[in-house]
Amino acid sequence: MTDTTNAIKRISQVSRKDPLIDLKTLSAIAKSATVHARLRAKMNQATITISKMGT
């Protein structure tokens, strides 16, 4: 007898582009990570250093 209360939902497997090749996806991931890092730093009252154009 199987326990149906702890059944794991199956997720359909969809072919996705590799985020390291798909620049639009990579850009969205980087932007989201930056926003979250800035918010966490602000909540923790940490200083932030931002580099623009490699300087």
PDB file of N, CA and C in Angstrom:
ATOM      1  N   MET A   1       0.840  -1.173   0.000  1.00  0.00           N
ATOM      2  CA  MET A   1       0.000   0.000   0.000  1.00  0.00           C
ATOM      3  C   MET A   1       0.891   1.244   0.000  1.00  0.00           C
ATOM      4  N   THR A   2       0.541   2.221  -0.806  1.00  0.00           N
ATOM      5  CA  THR A   2       1.331   3.450  -0.882  1.00  0.00           C
ATOM      6  C   THR A   2       0.651   4.569  -0.115  1.00  0.00           C
ATOM      7  N   ASP A   3       1.442   5.468   0.373  1.00  0.00           N
ATOM      8  CA  ASP A   3       0.942   6.612   1.130  1.00  0.00           C
ATOM      9  C   ASP A   3       0.678   7.757   0.156  1.00  0.00           C
ATOM     10  N   THR A   4      -0.583   8.099  -0.060  1.00  0.00           N
ATOM     11  CA  THR A   4      -0.921   9.148  -1.028  1.00  0.00           C
ATOM     12  C   THR A   4      -0.876  10.547  -0.421  1.00  0.00           C
ATOM     13  N   THR A   5      -0.762  10.657   0.889  1.00  0.00           N
ATOM     14  CA  THR A   5      -0.733  11.983   1.510  1.00  0.00           C
ATOM     15  C   THR A   5       0.608  12.686   1.275  1.00  0.00           C
ATOM     16  N   ASN A   6       1.660  11.933   1.046  1.00  0.00           N
ATOM     17  CA  ASN A   6       2.978  12.514   0.818  1.00  0.00           C
ATOM     18  C   ASN A   6       3.408  12.388  -0.634  1.00  0.00           C
ATOM     19  N   ALA A   7       2.441  12.339  -1.530  1.00  0.00           N
ATOM     20  CA  ALA A   7       2.764  12.196  -2.940  1.00  0.00           C
ATOM     21  C   ALA A   7       3.474  13.440  -3.456  1.00  0.00           C
ATOM     22  N   ILE A   8       4.487  13.232  -4.251  1.00  0.00           N
ATOM     23  CA  ILE A   8       5.244  14.335  -4.842  1.00  0.00           C
ATOM     24  C   ILE A   8       4.656  14.648  -6.202  1.00  0.00           C
ATOM     25  N   LYS A   9       4.346  15.923  -6.413  1.00  0.00           N
ATOM     26  CA  LYS A   9       3.794  16.321  -7.700  1.00  0.00           C
ATOM     27  C   LYS A   9       4.874  16.232  -8.771  1.00  0.00           C
ATOM     28  N   ARG A  10       4.504  15.735  -9.893  1.00  0.00           N
ATOM     29  CA  ARG A  10       5.443  15.668 -11.013  1.00  0.00           C
ATOM     30  C   ARG A  10       5.412  16.985 -11.766  1.00  0.00           C
ATOM     31  N   ILE A  11       6.567  17.417 -12.146  1.00  0.00           N
ATOM     32  CA  ILE A  11       6.696  18.654 -12.911  1.00  0.00           C
ATOM     33  C   ILE A  11       7.040  18.275 -14.343  1.00  0.00           C
ATOM     34  N   SER A  12       6.279  18.820 -15.286  1.00  0.00           N
ATOM     35  CA  SER A  12       6.551  18.483 -16.678  1.00  0.00           C
ATOM     36  C   SER A  12       7.907  19.047 -17.084  1.00  0.00           C
ATOM     37  N   GLN A  13       8.614  18.272 -17.838  1.00  0.00           N
ATOM     38  CA  GLN A  13       9.950  18.676 -18.255  1.00  0.00           C
ATOM     39  C   GLN A  13       9.828  19.462 -19.556  1.00  0.00           C
ATOM     40  N   VAL A  14      10.219  20.718 -19.497  1.00  0.00           N
ATOM     41  CA  VAL A  14      10.142  21.590 -20.649  1.00  0.00           C
ATOM     42  C   VAL A  14      11.563  21.948 -21.061  1.00  0.00           C
ATOM     43  N   SER A  15      11.813  21.901 -22.341  1.00  0.00           N
ATOM     44  CA  SER A  15      13.166  22.260 -22.774  1.00  0.00           C
ATOM     45  C   SER A  15      13.371  23.747 -22.556  1.00  0.00           C
ATOM     46  N   ARG A  16      14.442  24.078 -21.883  1.00  0.00           N
ATOM     47  CA  ARG A  16      14.751  25.464 -21.583  1.00  0.00           C
ATOM     48  C   ARG A  16      16.091  25.816 -22.204  1.00  0.00           C
ATOM     49  N   LYS A  17      16.237  27.083 -22.492  1.00  0.00           N
ATOM     50  CA  LYS A  17      17.513  27.534 -23.007  1.00  0.00           C
ATOM     51  C   LYS A  17      18.507  27.613 -21.860  1.00  0.00           C
ATOM     52  N   ASP A  18      19.756  27.335 -22.152  1.00  0.00           N
ATOM     53  CA  ASP A  18      20.806  27.444 -21.139  1.00  0.00           C
ATOM     54  C   ASP A  18      20.979  28.920 -20.805  1.00  0.00           C
ATOM     55  N   PRO A  19      20.802  29.324 -19.525  1.00  0.00           N
ATOM     56  CA  PRO A  19      20.878  30.747 -19.178  1.00  0.00           C
ATOM     57  C   PRO A  19      22.239  31.365 -19.452  1.00  0.00           C
ATOM     58  N   LEU A  20      23.286  30.542 -19.527  1.00  0.00           N
ATOM     59  CA  LEU A  20      24.606  31.099 -19.817  1.00  0.00           C
ATOM     60  C   LEU A  20      24.778  31.392 -21.307  1.00  0.00           C
ATOM     61  N   ILE A  21      23.916  30.838 -22.121  1.00  0.00           N
ATOM     62  CA  ILE A  21      23.978  31.100 -23.565  1.00  0.00           C
ATOM     63  C   ILE A  21      22.919  32.127 -23.952  1.00  0.00           C
ATOM     64  N   ASP A  22      21.749  32.036 -23.334  1.00  0.00           N
ATOM     65  CA  ASP A  22      20.640  32.947 -23.607  1.00  0.00           C
ATOM     66  C   ASP A  22      20.875  34.246 -22.830  1.00  0.00           C
ATOM     67  N   LEU A  23      21.352  35.283 -23.495  1.00  0.00           N
ATOM     68  CA  LEU A  23      21.742  36.517 -22.821  1.00  0.00           C
ATOM     69  C   LEU A  23      20.572  37.254 -22.190  1.00  0.00           C
ATOM     70  N   LYS A  24      19.383  37.126 -22.737  1.00  0.00           N
ATOM     71  CA  LYS A  24      18.214  37.784 -22.158  1.00  0.00           C
ATOM     72  C   LYS A  24      17.910  37.186 -20.784  1.00  0.00           C
ATOM     73  N   THR A  25      17.948  35.867 -20.681  1.00  0.00           N
ATOM     74  CA  THR A  25      17.705  35.197 -19.410  1.00  0.00           C
ATOM     75  C   THR A  25      18.817  35.513 -18.417  1.00  0.00           C
ATOM     76  N   LEU A  26      20.064  35.474 -18.876  1.00  0.00           N
ATOM     77  CA  LEU A  26      21.192  35.775 -18.006  1.00  0.00           C
ATOM     78  C   LEU A  26      21.103  37.195 -17.473  1.00  0.00           C
ATOM     79  N   SER A  27      20.703  38.133 -18.311  1.00  0.00           N
ATOM     80  CA  SER A  27      20.550  39.525 -17.898  1.00  0.00           C
ATOM     81  C   SER A  27      19.464  39.662 -16.835  1.00  0.00           C
ATOM     82  N   ALA A  28      18.358  38.958 -17.008  1.00  0.00           N
ATOM     83  CA  ALA A  28      17.262  39.009 -16.036  1.00  0.00           C
ATOM     84  C   ALA A  28      17.696  38.411 -14.701  1.00  0.00           C
ATOM     85  N   ILE A  29      18.453  37.326 -14.741  1.00  0.00           N
ATOM     86  CA  ILE A  29      18.944  36.701 -13.510  1.00  0.00           C
ATOM     87  C   ILE A  29      19.899  37.645 -12.791  1.00  0.00           C
ATOM     88  N   ALA A  30      20.795  38.282 -13.530  1.00  0.00           N
ATOM     89  CA  ALA A  30      21.759  39.208 -12.932  1.00  0.00           C
ATOM     90  C   ALA A  30      21.062  40.416 -12.313  1.00  0.00           C
ATOM     91  N   LYS A  31      20.060  40.945 -13.010  1.00  0.00           N
ATOM     92  CA  LYS A  31      19.327  42.105 -12.488  1.00  0.00           C
ATOM     93  C   LYS A  31      18.600  41.750 -11.199  1.00  0.00           C
ATOM     94  N   SER A  32      17.943  40.591 -11.186  1.00  0.00           N
ATOM     95  CA  SER A  32      17.225  40.147  -9.998  1.00  0.00           C
ATOM     96  C   SER A  32      18.187  39.933  -8.825  1.00  0.00           C
ATOM     97  N   ALA A  33      19.328  39.331  -9.090  1.00  0.00           N
ATOM     98  CA  ALA A  33      20.314  39.086  -8.038  1.00  0.00           C
ATOM     99  C   ALA A  33      20.845  40.400  -7.480  1.00  0.00           C
ATOM    100  N   THR A  34      21.058  41.380  -8.350  1.00  0.00           N
ATOM    101  CA  THR A  34      21.556  42.687  -7.917  1.00  0.00           C
ATOM    102  C   THR A  34      20.539  43.386  -7.030  1.00  0.00           C
ATOM    103  N   VAL A  35      19.288  43.368  -7.436  1.00  0.00           N
ATOM    104  CA  VAL A  35      18.235  44.015  -6.655  1.00  0.00           C
ATOM    105  C   VAL A  35      18.133  43.379  -5.271  1.00  0.00           C
ATOM    106  N   HIS A  36      18.135  42.054  -5.227  1.00  0.00           N
ATOM    107  CA  HIS A  36      18.027  41.367  -3.939  1.00  0.00           C
ATOM    108  C   HIS A  36      19.248  41.619  -3.063  1.00  0.00           C
ATOM    109  N   ALA A  37      20.431  41.659  -3.666  1.00  0.00           N
ATOM    110  CA  ALA A  37      21.649  41.920  -2.885  1.00  0.00           C
ATOM    111  C   ALA A  37      21.619  43.335  -2.301  1.00  0.00           C
ATOM    112  N   ARG A  38      21.154  44.306  -3.087  1.00  0.00           N
ATOM    113  CA  ARG A  38      21.073  45.683  -2.590  1.00  0.00           C
ATOM    114  C   ARG A  38      20.065  45.787  -1.443  1.00  0.00           C
ATOM    115  N   LEU A  39      18.920  45.115  -1.571  1.00  0.00           N
ATOM    116  CA  LEU A  39      17.914  45.152  -0.515  1.00  0.00           C
ATOM    117  C   LEU A  39      18.430  44.509   0.772  1.00  0.00           C
ATOM    118  N   ARG A  40      19.113  43.366   0.638  1.00  0.00           N
ATOM    119  CA  ARG A  40      19.659  42.700   1.828  1.00  0.00           C
ATOM    120  C   ARG A  40      20.735  43.541   2.490  1.00  0.00           C
ATOM    121  N   ALA A  41      21.579  44.181   1.676  1.00  0.00           N
ATOM    122  CA  ALA A  41      22.628  45.035   2.232  1.00  0.00           C
ATOM    123  C   ALA A  41      22.008  46.224   2.963  1.00  0.00           C
ATOM    124  N   LYS A  42      20.963  46.787   2.380  1.00  0.00           N
ATOM    125  CA  LYS A  42      20.293  47.931   3.004  1.00  0.00           C
ATOM    126  C   LYS A  42      19.639  47.517   4.325  1.00  0.00           C
ATOM    127  N   MET A  43      19.002  46.342   4.353  1.00  0.00           N
ATOM    128  CA  MET A  43      18.373  45.856   5.578  1.00  0.00           C
ATOM    129  C   MET A  43      19.412  45.627   6.677  1.00  0.00           C
ATOM    130  N   ASN A  44      20.606  45.188   6.284  1.00  0.00           N
ATOM    131  CA  ASN A  44      21.664  44.898   7.252  1.00  0.00           C
ATOM    132  C   ASN A  44      22.578  46.093   7.494  1.00  0.00           C
ATOM    133  N   GLN A  45      22.223  47.236   6.933  1.00  0.00           N
ATOM    134  CA  GLN A  45      22.991  48.472   7.064  1.00  0.00           C
ATOM    135  C   GLN A  45      24.449  48.291   6.647  1.00  0.00           C
ATOM    136  N   ALA A  46      24.664  47.552   5.582  1.00  0.00           N
ATOM    137  CA  ALA A  46      26.003  47.332   5.051  1.00  0.00           C
ATOM    138  C   ALA A  46      26.289  48.352   3.953  1.00  0.00           C
ATOM    139  N   THR A  47      27.551  48.636   3.739  1.00  0.00           N
ATOM    140  CA  THR A  47      27.915  49.564   2.675  1.00  0.00           C
ATOM    141  C   THR A  47      27.912  48.820   1.339  1.00  0.00           C
ATOM    142  N   ILE A  48      27.659  49.562   0.277  1.00  0.00           N
ATOM    143  CA  ILE A  48      27.583  49.004  -1.060  1.00  0.00           C
ATOM    144  C   ILE A  48      28.583  49.724  -1.938  1.00  0.00           C
ATOM    145  N   THR A  49      29.365  48.978  -2.697  1.00  0.00           N
ATOM    146  CA  THR A  49      30.285  49.548  -3.678  1.00  0.00           C
ATOM    147  C   THR A  49      29.805  49.117  -5.053  1.00  0.00           C
ATOM    148  N   ILE A  50      29.558  50.083  -5.919  1.00  0.00           N
ATOM    149  CA  ILE A  50      29.065  49.789  -7.258  1.00  0.00           C
ATOM    150  C   ILE A  50      30.122  50.212  -8.266  1.00  0.00           C
ATOM    151  N   SER A  51      30.458  49.313  -9.162  1.00  0.00           N
ATOM    152  CA  SER A  51      31.436  49.590 -10.211  1.00  0.00           C
ATOM    153  C   SER A  51      30.696  49.782 -11.522  1.00  0.00           C
ATOM    154  N   LYS A  52      31.004  50.856 -12.216  1.00  0.00           N
ATOM    155  CA  LYS A  52      30.393  51.117 -13.512  1.00  0.00           C
ATOM    156  C   LYS A  52      31.483  51.208 -14.581  1.00  0.00           C
ATOM    157  N   MET A  53      31.222  50.579 -15.673  1.00  0.00           N
ATOM    158  CA  MET A  53      32.145  50.617 -16.819  1.00  0.00           C
ATOM    159  C   MET A  53      33.563  50.152 -16.439  1.00  0.00           C
ATOM    160  N   GLY A  54      33.652  49.205 -15.524  1.00  0.00           N
ATOM    161  CA  GLY A  54      34.929  48.617 -15.171  1.00  0.00           C
ATOM    162  C   GLY A  54      35.823  49.486 -14.305  1.00  0.00           C
ATOM    163  N   THR A  55      35.292  50.597 -13.777  1.00  0.00           N
ATOM    164  CA  THR A  55      36.130  51.460 -12.953  1.00  0.00           C
ATOM    165  C   THR A  55      35.681  51.436 -11.517  1.00  0.00           C
TER     166      THR A  55
END
